[in-house]
């Protein structure tokens, strides 16, 4: 994540203020790998709508206070609705006119 931050800042010079606040400090660092038992993840609110992997991503983001970077629009929308810090690659590409 630190490399992503460095590349981003070298390319664009800054982050949006609301994004900067949500990923400031220790949250903008690589997180360690985590493991979730599928039997626990299937009880997550997003499991029925988005599936096992997305429910595990949501669980990890909440538990470890992580920013999620995704190109998956349904995941982006649902995480945004629940207050998880999330960035969508497509939105960033369009905003900064990246091909």
Foldseek 3Di string as FASTA:
>chain_A
DVVVVVVVCVVPVDDPPVLCVLCPDPQVDDDDDDDDDQVVLCPQPCCVPPHSVLSVVLVCCVVVVHEAEEQDVVSQVVCVVVPRHYDHPVVVCVVVVPD
